[in-house]
C-alpha atoms as a PDB file:
ATOM      1  CA  MET A   1      -2.706  15.592 -18.927  1.00  0.00           C
ATOM      2  CA  SER A   2       0.385  13.453 -18.399  1.00  0.00           C
ATOM      3  CA  ILE A   3       3.686  14.036 -20.220  1.00  0.00           C
ATOM      4  CA  TRP A   4       4.697  10.386 -19.845  1.00  0.00           C
ATOM      5  CA  LYS A   5       4.724   8.186 -22.969  1.00  0.00           C
ATOM      6  CA  GLN A   6       5.447   5.113 -20.882  1.00  0.00           C
ATOM      7  CA  GLN A   7       2.132   4.688 -19.115  1.00  0.00           C
ATOM      8  CA  GLY A   8       1.446   2.444 -16.131  1.00  0.00           C
ATOM      9  CA  LEU A   9       4.901   2.661 -14.564  1.00  0.00           C
ATOM     10  CA  THR A  10       4.861   2.458 -10.788  1.00  0.00           C
ATOM     11  CA  LEU A  11       7.328   3.619  -8.164  1.00  0.00           C
ATOM     12  CA  ALA A  12       8.180  -0.062  -7.615  1.00  0.00           C
ATOM     13  CA  ASP A  13       9.058  -0.364 -11.327  1.00  0.00           C
ATOM     14  CA  LEU A  14      11.337   2.674 -11.200  1.00  0.00           C
ATOM     15  CA  ASN A  15      13.002   1.609  -7.957  1.00  0.00           C
ATOM     16  CA  ALA A  16      13.599  -1.911  -9.345  1.00  0.00           C
ATOM     17  CA  MET A  17      15.202  -0.384 -12.443  1.00  0.00           C
ATOM     18  CA  ASN A  18      17.515   1.590 -10.142  1.00  0.00           C
ATOM     19  CA  GLN A  19      19.072  -1.583  -8.686  1.00  0.00           C
ATOM     20  CA  HIS A  20      22.793  -2.137  -9.369  1.00  0.00           C
ATOM     21  CA  THR A  21      23.331   1.525 -10.311  1.00  0.00           C
ATOM     22  CA  LEU A  22      24.915   4.577  -8.708  1.00  0.00           C
ATOM     23  CA  GLY A  23      21.414   5.475  -7.537  1.00  0.00           C
ATOM     24  CA  ALA A  24      21.221   2.261  -5.526  1.00  0.00           C
ATOM     25  CA  THR A  25      24.731   2.790  -4.161  1.00  0.00           C
ATOM     26  CA  LEU A  26      23.638   6.211  -2.850  1.00  0.00           C
ATOM     27  CA  ALA A  27      20.286   4.779  -1.588  1.00  0.00           C
ATOM     28  CA  MET A  28      18.164   6.895  -3.950  1.00  0.00           C
ATOM     29  CA  GLU A  29      14.445   6.121  -3.960  1.00  0.00           C
ATOM     30  CA  PHE A  30      11.711   7.298  -6.323  1.00  0.00           C
ATOM     31  CA  THR A  31       8.876   8.703  -4.222  1.00  0.00           C
ATOM     32  CA  GLU A  32       6.314  10.298  -6.542  1.00  0.00           C
ATOM     33  CA  ILE A  33       5.223  10.306 -10.174  1.00  0.00           C
ATOM     34  CA  GLY A  34       3.054  13.297 -11.025  1.00  0.00           C
ATOM     35  CA  ALA A  35       1.400  14.250 -14.313  1.00  0.00           C
ATOM     36  CA  ASP A  36       4.406  16.437 -15.203  1.00  0.00           C
ATOM     37  CA  PHE A  37       7.046  15.788 -12.546  1.00  0.00           C
ATOM     38  CA  LEU A  38       9.117  13.007 -11.005  1.00  0.00           C
ATOM     39  CA  LYS A  39      10.567  12.938  -7.465  1.00  0.00           C
ATOM     40  CA  LEU A  40      13.619  11.077  -6.178  1.00  0.00           C
ATOM     41  CA  ARG A  41      15.035  11.230  -2.657  1.00  0.00           C
ATOM     42  CA  MET A  42      18.428  10.445  -1.177  1.00  0.00           C
ATOM     43  CA  PRO A  43      19.772  10.293   2.371  1.00  0.00           C
ATOM     44  CA  VAL A  44      22.386  12.765   3.521  1.00  0.00           C
ATOM     45  CA  ASN A  45      24.907  10.687   5.468  1.00  0.00           C
ATOM     46  CA  SER A  46      28.531   9.573   5.396  1.00  0.00           C
ATOM     47  CA  ASN A  47      27.996   8.029   1.940  1.00  0.00           C
ATOM     48  CA  THR A  48      26.958  11.382   0.449  1.00  0.00           C
ATOM     49  CA  HIS A  49      29.099  13.773   2.535  1.00  0.00           C
ATOM     50  CA  GLN A  50      32.166  15.730   1.510  1.00  0.00           C
ATOM     51  CA  PRO A  51      35.060  16.058   4.031  1.00  0.00           C
ATOM     52  CA  TYR A  52      33.368  18.912   5.980  1.00  0.00           C
ATOM     53  CA  GLY A  53      30.360  16.706   6.728  1.00  0.00           C
ATOM     54  CA  LEU A  54      28.068  18.471   4.258  1.00  0.00           C
ATOM     55  CA  LEU A  55      26.182  17.020   1.303  1.00  0.00           C
ATOM     56  CA  HIS A  56      28.709  16.570  -1.524  1.00  0.00           C
ATOM     57  CA  GLY A  57      27.958  18.619  -4.637  1.00  0.00           C
ATOM     58  CA  GLY A  58      28.679  15.557  -6.758  1.00  0.00           C
ATOM     59  CA  ALA A  59      26.021  13.620  -4.860  1.00  0.00           C
ATOM     60  CA  SER A  60      23.531  16.403  -5.609  1.00  0.00           C
ATOM     61  CA  ALA A  61      24.553  16.276  -9.281  1.00  0.00           C
ATOM     62  CA  ALA A  62      24.123  12.478  -9.320  1.00  0.00           C
ATOM     63  CA  LEU A  63      20.668  12.840  -7.772  1.00  0.00           C
ATOM     64  CA  ALA A  64      19.687  15.502 -10.323  1.00  0.00           C
ATOM     65  CA  GLU A  65      21.027  13.547 -13.310  1.00  0.00           C
ATOM     66  CA  THR A  66      19.302  10.368 -12.164  1.00  0.00           C
ATOM     67  CA  VAL A  67      15.853  11.904 -11.731  1.00  0.00           C
ATOM     68  CA  GLY A  68      16.108  13.911 -14.968  1.00  0.00           C
ATOM     69  CA  SER A  69      17.419  11.006 -17.039  1.00  0.00           C
ATOM     70  CA  VAL A  70      14.708   8.650 -15.829  1.00  0.00           C
ATOM     71  CA  ALA A  71      12.086  11.339 -16.474  1.00  0.00           C
ATOM     72  CA  SER A  72      13.376  11.692 -20.043  1.00  0.00           C
ATOM     73  CA  TRP A  73      13.245   7.931 -20.506  1.00  0.00           C
ATOM     74  CA  MET A  74       9.613   8.011 -19.384  1.00  0.00           C
ATOM     75  CA  CYS A  75       8.914  10.579 -22.146  1.00  0.00           C
ATOM     76  CA  ILE A  76      10.320   8.615 -25.095  1.00  0.00           C
ATOM     77  CA  ASP A  77       9.381   5.566 -27.144  1.00  0.00           C
ATOM     78  CA  SER A  78      11.937   3.204 -25.587  1.00  0.00           C
ATOM     79  CA  GLU A  79      11.481   0.726 -28.459  1.00  0.00           C
ATOM     80  CA  LYS A  80      12.851   3.291 -30.936  1.00  0.00           C
ATOM     81  CA  GLN A  81      14.806   5.801 -28.836  1.00  0.00           C
ATOM     82  CA  ILE A  82      17.353   6.167 -26.060  1.00  0.00           C
ATOM     83  CA  CYS A  83      18.212   9.246 -24.037  1.00  0.00           C
ATOM     84  CA  VAL A  84      21.595  10.288 -22.681  1.00  0.00           C
ATOM     85  CA  GLY A  85      22.739  13.218 -20.583  1.00  0.00           C
ATOM     86  CA  MET A  86      24.510  15.997 -22.509  1.00  0.00           C
ATOM     87  CA  GLU A  87      25.024  18.713 -19.918  1.00  0.00           C
ATOM     88  CA  ILE A  88      24.258  19.336 -16.278  1.00  0.00           C
ATOM     89  CA  ASN A  89      24.819  22.317 -14.042  1.00  0.00           C
ATOM     90  CA  CYS A  90      24.192  22.677 -10.345  1.00  0.00           C
ATOM     91  CA  ASN A  91      23.994  25.742  -8.156  1.00  0.00           C
ATOM     92  CA  HIS A  92      24.486  24.738  -4.539  1.00  0.00           C
ATOM     93  CA  ILE A  93      22.348  27.107  -2.472  1.00  0.00           C
ATOM     94  CA  ARG A  94      22.512  25.750   1.076  1.00  0.00           C
ATOM     95  CA  GLY A  95      24.469  23.073   2.923  1.00  0.00           C
ATOM     96  CA  ILE A  96      22.877  20.143   4.721  1.00  0.00           C
ATOM     97  CA  ARG A  97      24.468  17.624   7.099  1.00  0.00           C
ATOM     98  CA  GLN A  98      21.795  14.992   7.691  1.00  0.00           C
ATOM     99  CA  GLY A  99      18.307  13.860   6.795  1.00  0.00           C
ATOM    100  CA  PHE A 100      16.974  13.468   3.282  1.00  0.00           C
ATOM    101  CA  VAL A 101      16.946  15.602   0.164  1.00  0.00           C
ATOM    102  CA  THR A 102      14.335  15.252  -2.568  1.00  0.00           C
ATOM    103  CA  ALA A 103      14.883  16.188  -6.203  1.00  0.00           C
ATOM    104  CA  THR A 104      11.876  17.193  -8.301  1.00  0.00           C
ATOM    105  CA  ALA A 105      12.315  17.168 -12.080  1.00  0.00           C
ATOM    106  CA  THR A 106       9.941  19.216 -14.245  1.00  0.00           C
ATOM    107  CA  PRO A 107      10.377  19.759 -17.979  1.00  0.00           C
ATOM    108  CA  LEU A 108      11.432  23.065 -19.478  1.00  0.00           C
ATOM    109  CA  HIS A 109      11.558  21.602 -23.012  1.00  0.00           C
ATOM    110  CA  LEU A 110      10.467  18.235 -24.413  1.00  0.00           C
ATOM    111  CA  GLY A 111      11.600  18.239 -28.031  1.00  0.00           C
ATOM    112  CA  ALA A 112      12.094  15.493 -30.591  1.00  0.00           C
ATOM    113  CA  THR A 113      15.883  15.430 -30.140  1.00  0.00           C
ATOM    114  CA  SER A 114      16.469  17.023 -26.734  1.00  0.00           C
ATOM    115  CA  HIS A 115      14.883  17.500 -23.341  1.00  0.00           C
ATOM    116  CA  VAL A 116      15.741  20.166 -20.766  1.00  0.00           C
ATOM    117  CA  TRP A 117      14.798  19.587 -17.115  1.00  0.00           C
ATOM    118  CA  ASP A 118      14.583  21.961 -14.179  1.00  0.00           C
ATOM    119  CA  ILE A 119      15.514  20.052 -11.033  1.00  0.00           C
ATOM    120  CA  ARG A 120      15.017  21.484  -7.544  1.00  0.00           C
ATOM    121  CA  ILE A 121      16.618  19.683  -4.613  1.00  0.00           C
ATOM    122  CA  LYS A 122      15.052  20.488  -1.241  1.00  0.00           C
ATOM    123  CA  ASP A 123      15.495  19.309   2.330  1.00  0.00           C
ATOM    124  CA  GLU A 124      12.738  17.809   4.472  1.00  0.00           C
ATOM    125  CA  ALA A 125      11.637  21.296   5.583  1.00  0.00           C
ATOM    126  CA  GLY A 126      11.228  22.379   1.958  1.00  0.00           C
ATOM    127  CA  LYS A 127      14.334  24.593   1.956  1.00  0.00           C
ATOM    128  CA  LEU A 128      16.107  24.841  -1.376  1.00  0.00           C
ATOM    129  CA  ILE A 129      19.479  23.051  -1.323  1.00  0.00           C
ATOM    130  CA  CYS A 130      20.408  22.968  -5.015  1.00  0.00           C
ATOM    131  CA  VAL A 131      19.048  24.071  -8.388  1.00  0.00           C
ATOM    132  CA  SER A 132      20.064  22.056 -11.419  1.00  0.00           C
ATOM    133  CA  ARG A 133      19.394  22.092 -15.146  1.00  0.00           C
ATOM    134  CA  LEU A 134      19.886  18.895 -17.145  1.00  0.00           C
ATOM    135  CA  THR A 135      19.974  18.667 -20.944  1.00  0.00           C
ATOM    136  CA  VAL A 136      19.318  15.213 -22.381  1.00  0.00           C
ATOM    137  CA  ALA A 137      19.846  14.092 -25.990  1.00  0.00           C
ATOM    138  CA  VAL A 138      17.132  11.894 -27.490  1.00  0.00           C
ATOM    139  CA  LEU A 139      18.708   9.506 -29.990  1.00  0.00           C
ATOM    140  CA  LYS A 140      17.427   6.871 -32.378  1.00  0.00           C
ATOM    141  CA  LYS A 141      18.060   3.386 -31.032  1.00  0.00           C
ATOM    142  CA  GLN A 142      20.453   1.455 -33.217  1.00  0.00           C
ATOM    143  CA  GLN A 143      18.831  -1.675 -34.619  1.00  0.00           C
END
């Protein structure tokens, strides 16, 4: 059974929505919509490096916040509600210099006023790069 309230969304829809955002600037791309998860990938290159040539922790945080925020949006009634990030933490487990990382968001809590997401960022070999938790507030849309 799917957790998504917004049915029928495709990867093309999500990637089009990502245009003209930080996600587009960092070349993020949605790659999979599961029944209870969402995946987003990002290249590791000079645009996402820190000075030592490793993936920047802020880029990992941006990847995690993007996938979790979009997942929350997919779980709400967008005619009546909006969702905004409240808190994010990231534990950087392993460095990476090149290739792609993929963030997978799965819900820990989907409440009426808040969502909490577990986000695992892995490299192409499946090695864990970063673990993140994102808390999102679900608010009534102002009319």
